Amino acid sequence: MDASRKALPGLDPDLDPSVRAFRVLLSTGQRLHYLMDERLRPDGLTTQQAALLTVVKALDGPSVTEAARALGTTHQNAAQLVTALTRKDFLRTEPDPADRRRSRLIATETSEAYWRQRDASDHTAMAAWFSALTPDELQTLTSLAERLLTALSRSRDRGAAE
């Protein structure tokens, strides 16, 4: 194995496959998180904040608890993200019409306009980050990661119920 591969965590072929996979995925996730943070930093945003806004749009007005679950984070962390994004006018809360005690998270027009003007550039950057993979490999990676994420989510949900 060449020195550049040896320097990367998790690439030791003698590791247990599950440990190696965990280390490689963790390192990859951290690297991607760093790269996106670098892109968002000039605008005063973080990858976590962007992820919350993505969840808010995808779930069409989730509660903080629902958003936290979708992000795989704590309610407290999600609430901190909500506070920061509300202060930046990217997010607002509204009472849930079905249960006025709960609040729903809504992306603002400021948020919508921001993402419209930068989405193409971000998509180009992401394509470059994954350019080491062929389209078929990228599809395989995505399918496998989605399957793992689904299994981990089910496992978490079962653990919370026990």
N, C-alpha and C. Protein backbone atom coordinates (compact mmCIF):
# COMPACT_ATOMS: atom_id res chain seq x y z
N MET A 1 0.86 -1.19 0.00
CA MET A 1 0.00 0.00 0.00
C MET A 1 0.89 1.23 0.00
N ASP A 2 0.59 2.22 -0.85
CA ASP A 2 1.45 3.40 -0.91
C ASP A 2 1.23 4.29 0.30
N ALA A 3 2.20 5.17 0.55
CA ALA A 3 2.19 6.00 1.77
C ALA A 3 0.97 6.91 1.84
N SER A 4 0.49 7.41 0.70
CA SER A 4 -0.66 8.33 0.74
C SER A 4 -1.92 7.61 1.22
N ARG A 5 -2.12 6.35 0.83
CA ARG A 5 -3.28 5.60 1.30
C ARG A 5 -3.13 5.23 2.77
N LYS A 6 -1.90 4.90 3.19
CA LYS A 6 -1.66 4.50 4.57
C LYS A 6 -1.96 5.66 5.53
N ALA A 7 -1.75 6.89 5.07
CA ALA A 7 -1.97 8.06 5.92
C ALA A 7 -3.45 8.34 6.17
N LEU A 8 -4.32 7.76 5.36
CA LEU A 8 -5.75 8.00 5.53
C LEU A 8 -6.33 7.01 6.53
N PRO A 9 -7.12 7.50 7.51
CA PRO A 9 -7.67 6.60 8.52
C PRO A 9 -8.60 5.56 7.90
N GLY A 10 -8.48 4.34 8.39
CA GLY A 10 -9.41 3.30 8.00
C GLY A 10 -9.04 2.51 6.77
N LEU A 11 -7.98 2.91 6.06
CA LEU A 11 -7.66 2.23 4.82
C LEU A 11 -6.75 1.02 5.01
N ASP A 12 -6.44 0.69 6.22
CA ASP A 12 -5.63 -0.49 6.50
C ASP A 12 -6.46 -1.73 6.17
N PRO A 13 -6.04 -2.52 5.18
CA PRO A 13 -6.85 -3.67 4.77
C PRO A 13 -6.92 -4.78 5.82
N ASP A 14 -6.08 -4.70 6.86
CA ASP A 14 -6.09 -5.73 7.89
C ASP A 14 -7.14 -5.47 8.97
N LEU A 15 -7.79 -4.33 8.94
CA LEU A 15 -8.83 -4.03 9.92
C LEU A 15 -10.05 -4.90 9.68
N ASP A 16 -10.81 -5.13 10.75
CA ASP A 16 -12.12 -5.77 10.62
C ASP A 16 -12.92 -4.95 9.62
N PRO A 17 -13.62 -5.59 8.67
CA PRO A 17 -14.34 -4.83 7.64
C PRO A 17 -15.32 -3.79 8.19
N SER A 18 -16.01 -4.11 9.28
CA SER A 18 -16.96 -3.14 9.85
C SER A 18 -16.23 -1.93 10.43
N VAL A 19 -15.10 -2.16 11.08
CA VAL A 19 -14.31 -1.06 11.64
C VAL A 19 -13.76 -0.21 10.51
N ARG A 20 -13.25 -0.87 9.48
CA ARG A 20 -12.70 -0.14 8.33
C ARG A 20 -13.79 0.70 7.67
N ALA A 21 -14.96 0.10 7.44
CA ALA A 21 -16.06 0.84 6.82
C ALA A 21 -16.46 2.04 7.67
N PHE A 22 -16.57 1.83 9.00
CA PHE A 22 -16.92 2.93 9.90
C PHE A 22 -15.90 4.06 9.78
N ARG A 23 -14.63 3.72 9.83
CA ARG A 23 -13.58 4.75 9.78
C ARG A 23 -13.57 5.49 8.44
N VAL A 24 -13.73 4.75 7.36
CA VAL A 24 -13.73 5.39 6.04
C VAL A 24 -14.94 6.30 5.90
N LEU A 25 -16.13 5.82 6.29
CA LEU A 25 -17.32 6.66 6.17
C LEU A 25 -17.26 7.87 7.09
N LEU A 26 -16.75 7.68 8.30
CA LEU A 26 -16.62 8.80 9.23
C LEU A 26 -15.66 9.85 8.68
N SER A 27 -14.51 9.40 8.20
CA SER A 27 -13.53 10.33 7.63
C SER A 27 -14.07 11.03 6.39
N THR A 28 -14.78 10.29 5.55
CA THR A 28 -15.37 10.88 4.35
C THR A 28 -16.41 11.92 4.72
N GLY A 29 -17.28 11.57 5.67
CA GLY A 29 -18.30 12.51 6.11
C GLY A 29 -17.70 13.78 6.70
N GLN A 30 -16.66 13.60 7.51
CA GLN A 30 -16.02 14.77 8.11
C GLN A 30 -15.37 15.65 7.05
N ARG A 31 -14.75 15.02 6.05
CA ARG A 31 -14.10 15.78 4.99
C ARG A 31 -15.15 16.55 4.17
N LEU A 32 -16.24 15.89 3.81
CA LEU A 32 -17.30 16.56 3.06
C LEU A 32 -17.92 17.71 3.87
N HIS A 33 -18.10 17.47 5.16
CA HIS A 33 -18.63 18.51 6.06
C HIS A 33 -17.69 19.73 6.05
N TYR A 34 -16.39 19.48 6.16
CA TYR A 34 -15.40 20.56 6.15
C TYR A 34 -15.45 21.33 4.82
N LEU A 35 -15.50 20.60 3.71
CA LEU A 35 -15.53 21.26 2.40
C LEU A 35 -16.76 22.15 2.24
N MET A 36 -17.92 21.67 2.70
CA MET A 36 -19.12 22.49 2.58
C MET A 36 -19.08 23.66 3.57
N ASP A 37 -18.55 23.43 4.76
CA ASP A 37 -18.39 24.56 5.70
C ASP A 37 -17.55 25.66 5.07
N GLU A 38 -16.49 25.29 4.37
CA GLU A 38 -15.63 26.27 3.70
C GLU A 38 -16.42 27.06 2.66
N ARG A 39 -17.30 26.41 1.95
CA ARG A 39 -18.11 27.09 0.93
C ARG A 39 -19.12 28.04 1.58
N LEU A 40 -19.69 27.65 2.71
CA LEU A 40 -20.76 28.43 3.34
C LEU A 40 -20.24 29.53 4.28
N ARG A 41 -19.03 29.35 4.78
CA ARG A 41 -18.48 30.28 5.79
C ARG A 41 -18.56 31.75 5.37
N PRO A 42 -18.22 32.13 4.14
CA PRO A 42 -18.30 33.55 3.78
C PRO A 42 -19.70 34.15 3.96
N ASP A 43 -20.73 33.30 3.91
CA ASP A 43 -22.09 33.78 4.07
C ASP A 43 -22.60 33.63 5.51
N GLY A 44 -21.73 33.20 6.40
CA GLY A 44 -22.12 33.08 7.80
C GLY A 44 -22.98 31.87 8.12
N LEU A 45 -22.93 30.86 7.26
CA LEU A 45 -23.72 29.64 7.49
C LEU A 45 -22.79 28.45 7.72
N THR A 46 -23.39 27.37 8.25
CA THR A 46 -22.66 26.13 8.45
C THR A 46 -23.37 25.00 7.70
N THR A 47 -22.67 23.92 7.53
CA THR A 47 -23.25 22.74 6.88
C THR A 47 -24.45 22.24 7.68
N GLN A 48 -24.35 22.24 8.99
CA GLN A 48 -25.46 21.79 9.83
C GLN A 48 -26.69 22.68 9.62
N GLN A 49 -26.49 23.97 9.52
CA GLN A 49 -27.61 24.88 9.29
C GLN A 49 -28.23 24.61 7.92
N ALA A 50 -27.39 24.39 6.92
CA ALA A 50 -27.89 24.08 5.58
C ALA A 50 -28.66 22.76 5.60
N ALA A 51 -28.15 21.80 6.34
CA ALA A 51 -28.83 20.50 6.44
C ALA A 51 -30.21 20.67 7.08
N LEU A 52 -30.30 21.50 8.10
CA LEU A 52 -31.61 21.74 8.74
C LEU A 52 -32.58 22.38 7.75
N LEU A 53 -32.11 23.34 6.98
CA LEU A 53 -32.98 23.97 5.99
C LEU A 53 -33.44 22.96 4.94
N THR A 54 -32.57 22.04 4.56
CA THR A 54 -32.94 20.98 3.62
C THR A 54 -34.04 20.10 4.20
N VAL A 55 -33.90 19.75 5.48
CA VAL A 55 -34.90 18.92 6.17
C VAL A 55 -36.23 19.67 6.27
N VAL A 56 -36.17 20.94 6.59
CA VAL A 56 -37.40 21.74 6.72
C VAL A 56 -38.17 21.73 5.40
N LYS A 57 -37.46 21.89 4.29
CA LYS A 57 -38.12 21.85 2.98
C LYS A 57 -38.64 20.46 2.66
N ALA A 58 -37.82 19.45 2.90
CA ALA A 58 -38.19 18.07 2.56
C ALA A 58 -39.39 17.59 3.36
N LEU A 59 -39.46 17.97 4.63
CA LEU A 59 -40.54 17.52 5.50
C LEU A 59 -41.72 18.49 5.52
N ASP A 60 -41.60 19.60 4.80
CA ASP A 60 -42.68 20.56 4.66
C ASP A 60 -43.22 21.05 6.01
N GLY A 61 -42.34 21.69 6.76
CA GLY A 61 -42.77 22.29 8.03
C GLY A 61 -42.74 21.35 9.22
N PRO A 62 -41.61 20.72 9.47
CA PRO A 62 -41.53 19.80 10.62
C PRO A 62 -41.46 20.56 11.94
N SER A 63 -41.70 19.84 13.02
CA SER A 63 -41.43 20.39 14.35
C SER A 63 -39.92 20.29 14.59
N VAL A 64 -39.44 20.91 15.63
CA VAL A 64 -38.02 20.80 15.97
C VAL A 64 -37.66 19.34 16.24
N THR A 65 -38.52 18.62 16.92
CA THR A 65 -38.27 17.21 17.23
C THR A 65 -38.17 16.39 15.96
N GLU A 66 -39.09 16.61 15.02
CA GLU A 66 -39.05 15.88 13.75
C GLU A 66 -37.79 16.22 12.96
N ALA A 67 -37.41 17.48 12.97
CA ALA A 67 -36.19 17.90 12.26
C ALA A 67 -34.95 17.27 12.90
N ALA A 68 -34.90 17.25 14.22
CA ALA A 68 -33.77 16.64 14.93
C ALA A 68 -33.66 15.17 14.57
N ARG A 69 -34.78 14.48 14.56
CA ARG A 69 -34.79 13.05 14.22
C ARG A 69 -34.27 12.84 12.79
N ALA A 70 -34.73 13.66 11.86
CA ALA A 70 -34.30 13.53 10.46
C ALA A 70 -32.81 13.82 10.30
N LEU A 71 -32.28 14.74 11.10
CA LEU A 71 -30.86 15.07 11.04
C LEU A 71 -29.99 14.08 11.80
N GLY A 72 -30.63 13.28 12.65
CA GLY A 72 -29.86 12.36 13.48
C GLY A 72 -29.10 13.09 14.57
N THR A 73 -29.73 14.12 15.12
CA THR A 73 -29.08 14.91 16.16
C THR A 73 -30.04 15.07 17.34
N THR A 74 -29.58 15.76 18.36
CA THR A 74 -30.40 15.96 19.54
C THR A 74 -31.38 17.12 19.32
N HIS A 75 -32.43 17.12 20.12
CA HIS A 75 -33.39 18.22 20.09
C HIS A 75 -32.69 19.52 20.43
N GLN A 76 -31.80 19.48 21.41
CA GLN A 76 -31.07 20.68 21.83
C GLN A 76 -30.24 21.25 20.68
N ASN A 77 -29.52 20.39 19.96
CA ASN A 77 -28.70 20.86 18.84
C ASN A 77 -29.60 21.45 17.75
N ALA A 78 -30.69 20.77 17.43
CA ALA A 78 -31.61 21.30 16.41
C ALA A 78 -32.18 22.65 16.84
N ALA A 79 -32.53 22.78 18.11
CA ALA A 79 -33.07 24.04 18.61
C ALA A 79 -32.04 25.17 18.48
N GLN A 80 -30.78 24.87 18.71
CA GLN A 80 -29.72 25.88 18.54
C GLN A 80 -29.60 26.29 17.08
N LEU A 81 -29.71 25.32 16.18
CA LEU A 81 -29.68 25.64 14.75
C LEU A 81 -30.87 26.51 14.37
N VAL A 82 -32.03 26.18 14.90
CA VAL A 82 -33.25 26.97 14.63
C VAL A 82 -33.05 28.40 15.10
N THR A 83 -32.51 28.58 16.29
CA THR A 83 -32.28 29.93 16.83
C THR A 83 -31.36 30.73 15.92
N ALA A 84 -30.26 30.11 15.48
CA ALA A 84 -29.31 30.80 14.61
C ALA A 84 -29.95 31.15 13.27
N LEU A 85 -30.70 30.23 12.69
CA LEU A 85 -31.31 30.48 11.38
C LEU A 85 -32.47 31.47 11.47
N THR A 86 -33.15 31.50 12.59
CA THR A 86 -34.21 32.48 12.79
C THR A 86 -33.59 33.88 12.89
N ARG A 87 -32.51 33.99 13.62
CA ARG A 87 -31.80 35.26 13.76
C ARG A 87 -31.31 35.77 12.39
N LYS A 88 -30.93 34.85 11.50
CA LYS A 88 -30.44 35.21 10.16
C LYS A 88 -31.58 35.38 9.15
N ASP A 89 -32.81 35.23 9.60
CA ASP A 89 -34.01 35.34 8.77
C ASP A 89 -34.08 34.27 7.68
N PHE A 90 -33.55 33.08 7.98
CA PHE A 90 -33.66 31.95 7.06
C PHE A 90 -34.81 31.02 7.47
N LEU A 91 -35.30 31.20 8.67
CA LEU A 91 -36.29 30.28 9.22
C LEU A 91 -37.23 31.06 10.13
N ARG A 92 -38.47 30.61 10.17
CA ARG A 92 -39.42 31.16 11.14
C ARG A 92 -40.22 29.98 11.70
N THR A 93 -40.85 30.22 12.82
CA THR A 93 -41.72 29.19 13.41
C THR A 93 -43.15 29.69 13.36
N GLU A 94 -44.05 28.72 13.17
CA GLU A 94 -45.48 29.02 13.17
C GLU A 94 -46.17 27.98 14.03
N PRO A 95 -47.27 28.36 14.66
CA PRO A 95 -48.03 27.35 15.41
C PRO A 95 -48.54 26.27 14.45
N ASP A 96 -48.52 25.05 14.91
CA ASP A 96 -49.05 23.93 14.14
C ASP A 96 -50.58 24.03 14.16
N PRO A 97 -51.23 24.11 12.99
CA PRO A 97 -52.69 24.24 12.99
C PRO A 97 -53.39 23.05 13.65
N ALA A 98 -52.77 21.89 13.62
CA ALA A 98 -53.39 20.70 14.21
C ALA A 98 -53.19 20.64 15.73
N ASP A 99 -52.15 21.29 16.23
CA ASP A 99 -51.85 21.29 17.67
C ASP A 99 -51.13 22.59 17.99
N ARG A 100 -51.87 23.58 18.42
CA ARG A 100 -51.33 24.93 18.62
C ARG A 100 -50.22 24.99 19.68
N ARG A 101 -50.03 23.92 20.44
CA ARG A 101 -48.94 23.90 21.41
C ARG A 101 -47.59 23.65 20.74
N ARG A 102 -47.64 23.08 19.54
CA ARG A 102 -46.41 22.77 18.81
C ARG A 102 -46.13 23.83 17.76
N SER A 103 -44.86 23.99 17.45
CA SER A 103 -44.46 24.92 16.40
C SER A 103 -43.93 24.15 15.20
N ARG A 104 -44.16 24.71 14.04
CA ARG A 104 -43.65 24.17 12.78
C ARG A 104 -42.55 25.09 12.27
N LEU A 105 -41.53 24.50 11.65
CA LEU A 105 -40.43 25.26 11.09
C LEU A 105 -40.71 25.54 9.62
N ILE A 106 -40.54 26.79 9.23
CA ILE A 106 -40.84 27.22 7.86
C ILE A 106 -39.64 28.00 7.32
N ALA A 107 -39.17 27.62 6.13
CA ALA A 107 -38.09 28.38 5.48
C ALA A 107 -38.65 29.70 4.98
N THR A 108 -37.89 30.76 5.14
CA THR A 108 -38.34 32.09 4.73
C THR A 108 -38.00 32.34 3.26
N GLU A 109 -38.52 33.42 2.72
CA GLU A 109 -38.18 33.82 1.36
C GLU A 109 -36.70 34.17 1.27
N THR A 110 -36.12 34.71 2.34
CA THR A 110 -34.68 34.98 2.35
C THR A 110 -33.90 33.70 2.10
N SER A 111 -34.31 32.64 2.76
CA SER A 111 -33.66 31.34 2.58
C SER A 111 -33.84 30.85 1.15
N GLU A 112 -35.07 30.90 0.66
CA GLU A 112 -35.37 30.44 -0.70
C GLU A 112 -34.51 31.18 -1.73
N ALA A 113 -34.44 32.49 -1.59
CA ALA A 113 -33.67 33.30 -2.54
C ALA A 113 -32.18 32.98 -2.45
N TYR A 114 -31.69 32.80 -1.25
CA TYR A 114 -30.27 32.47 -1.05
C TYR A 114 -29.91 31.18 -1.78
N TRP A 115 -30.71 30.13 -1.59
CA TRP A 115 -30.39 28.84 -2.20
C TRP A 115 -30.58 28.88 -3.71
N ARG A 116 -31.53 29.64 -4.19
CA ARG A 116 -31.71 29.76 -5.65
C ARG A 116 -30.46 30.32 -6.30
N GLN A 117 -29.83 31.30 -5.65
CA GLN A 117 -28.67 31.94 -6.26
C GLN A 117 -27.38 31.13 -6.12
N ARG A 118 -27.35 30.13 -5.24
CA ARG A 118 -26.09 29.40 -5.08
C ARG A 118 -26.19 27.91 -5.37
N ASP A 119 -27.36 27.36 -5.58
CA ASP A 119 -27.50 25.92 -5.81
C ASP A 119 -26.63 25.40 -6.95
N ALA A 120 -26.63 26.07 -8.09
CA ALA A 120 -25.85 25.58 -9.25
C ALA A 120 -24.37 25.48 -8.90
N SER A 121 -23.85 26.47 -8.21
CA SER A 121 -22.44 26.46 -7.82
C SER A 121 -22.14 25.33 -6.83
N ASP A 122 -23.03 25.12 -5.88
CA ASP A 122 -22.84 24.03 -4.92
C ASP A 122 -22.92 22.67 -5.61
N HIS A 123 -23.83 22.52 -6.53
CA HIS A 123 -23.96 21.25 -7.25
C HIS A 123 -22.71 20.96 -8.08
N THR A 124 -22.12 22.01 -8.67
CA THR A 124 -20.88 21.85 -9.42
C THR A 124 -19.75 21.41 -8.49
N ALA A 125 -19.68 22.01 -7.31
CA ALA A 125 -18.64 21.63 -6.34
C ALA A 125 -18.81 20.18 -5.91
N MET A 126 -20.04 19.78 -5.65
CA MET A 126 -20.28 18.39 -5.23
C MET A 126 -19.91 17.41 -6.34
N ALA A 127 -20.21 17.76 -7.57
CA ALA A 127 -19.83 16.90 -8.70
C ALA A 127 -18.31 16.74 -8.73
N ALA A 128 -17.59 17.81 -8.47
CA ALA A 128 -16.12 17.74 -8.45
C ALA A 128 -15.64 16.85 -7.30
N TRP A 129 -16.27 16.96 -6.14
CA TRP A 129 -15.86 16.15 -4.99
C TRP A 129 -16.02 14.66 -5.27
N PHE A 130 -17.02 14.30 -6.05
CA PHE A 130 -17.29 12.89 -6.32
C PHE A 130 -16.77 12.46 -7.69
N SER A 131 -15.95 13.28 -8.32
CA SER A 131 -15.48 12.99 -9.67
C SER A 131 -14.55 11.78 -9.76
N ALA A 132 -14.05 11.30 -8.65
CA ALA A 132 -13.21 10.09 -8.67
C ALA A 132 -14.04 8.85 -8.96
N LEU A 133 -15.36 8.97 -8.89
CA LEU A 133 -16.26 7.84 -9.12
C LEU A 133 -16.95 7.97 -10.47
N THR A 134 -17.18 6.84 -11.11
CA THR A 134 -17.96 6.83 -12.34
C THR A 134 -19.43 7.03 -11.97
N PRO A 135 -20.27 7.37 -12.93
CA PRO A 135 -21.71 7.49 -12.61
C PRO A 135 -22.27 6.20 -12.01
N ASP A 136 -21.88 5.04 -12.52
CA ASP A 136 -22.36 3.77 -11.95
C ASP A 136 -21.86 3.58 -10.53
N GLU A 137 -20.60 3.91 -10.27
CA GLU A 137 -20.06 3.78 -8.91
C GLU A 137 -20.76 4.73 -7.96
N LEU A 138 -21.05 5.93 -8.42
CA LEU A 138 -21.74 6.91 -7.59
C LEU A 138 -23.15 6.41 -7.26
N GLN A 139 -23.82 5.81 -8.22
CA GLN A 139 -25.15 5.24 -7.97
C GLN A 139 -25.06 4.10 -6.96
N THR A 140 -24.05 3.25 -7.10
CA THR A 140 -23.86 2.13 -6.16
C THR A 140 -23.57 2.66 -4.76
N LEU A 141 -22.67 3.64 -4.66
CA LEU A 141 -22.35 4.23 -3.37
C LEU A 141 -23.61 4.80 -2.71
N THR A 142 -24.38 5.52 -3.47
CA THR A 142 -25.60 6.13 -2.94
C THR A 142 -26.59 5.07 -2.48
N SER A 143 -26.79 4.05 -3.28
CA SER A 143 -27.72 2.97 -2.91
C SER A 143 -27.29 2.26 -1.64
N LEU A 144 -26.00 1.95 -1.54
CA LEU A 144 -25.50 1.27 -0.35
C LEU A 144 -25.59 2.16 0.89
N ALA A 145 -25.24 3.43 0.73
CA ALA A 145 -25.30 4.35 1.87
C ALA A 145 -26.75 4.56 2.32
N GLU A 146 -27.69 4.66 1.37
CA GLU A 146 -29.10 4.80 1.74
C GLU A 146 -29.60 3.56 2.48
N ARG A 147 -29.18 2.38 2.03
CA ARG A 147 -29.59 1.14 2.70
C ARG A 147 -29.04 1.09 4.12
N LEU A 148 -27.78 1.48 4.29
CA LEU A 148 -27.17 1.51 5.62
C LEU A 148 -27.87 2.54 6.50
N LEU A 149 -28.13 3.71 5.97
CA LEU A 149 -28.78 4.76 6.74
C LEU A 149 -30.18 4.33 7.17
N THR A 150 -30.91 3.68 6.30
CA THR A 150 -32.24 3.17 6.65
C THR A 150 -32.15 2.15 7.78
N ALA A 151 -31.20 1.24 7.68
CA ALA A 151 -31.03 0.22 8.72
C ALA A 151 -30.63 0.85 10.04
N LEU A 152 -29.74 1.83 10.00
CA LEU A 152 -29.32 2.51 11.23
C LEU A 152 -30.48 3.28 11.84
N SER A 153 -31.31 3.89 11.01
CA SER A 153 -32.48 4.63 11.52
C SER A 153 -33.46 3.68 12.18
N ARG A 154 -33.70 2.52 11.57
CA ARG A 154 -34.59 1.52 12.17
C ARG A 154 -34.02 1.05 13.50
N SER A 155 -32.74 0.83 13.52
CA SER A 155 -32.08 0.36 14.75
C SER A 155 -32.22 1.41 15.85
N ARG A 156 -32.05 2.68 15.51
CA ARG A 156 -32.19 3.77 16.48
C ARG A 156 -33.63 3.83 16.99
N ASP A 157 -34.58 3.71 16.06
CA ASP A 157 -35.98 3.77 16.46
C ASP A 157 -36.34 2.61 17.39
N ARG A 158 -35.83 1.39 17.09
CA ARG A 158 -36.08 0.25 17.96
C ARG A 158 -35.45 0.47 19.33
N GLY A 159 -34.24 1.02 19.34
CA GLY A 159 -33.55 1.28 20.61
C GLY A 159 -34.29 2.27 21.47
N ALA A 160 -34.90 3.28 20.83
CA ALA A 160 -35.65 4.30 21.58
C ALA A 160 -36.94 3.70 22.15
N ALA A 161 -37.50 2.69 21.47
CA ALA A 161 -38.75 2.09 21.93
C ALA A 161 -38.53 1.09 23.07
N GLU A 162 -37.32 0.58 23.18
CA GLU A 162 -37.05 -0.43 24.22
C GLU A 162 -36.84 0.17 25.57
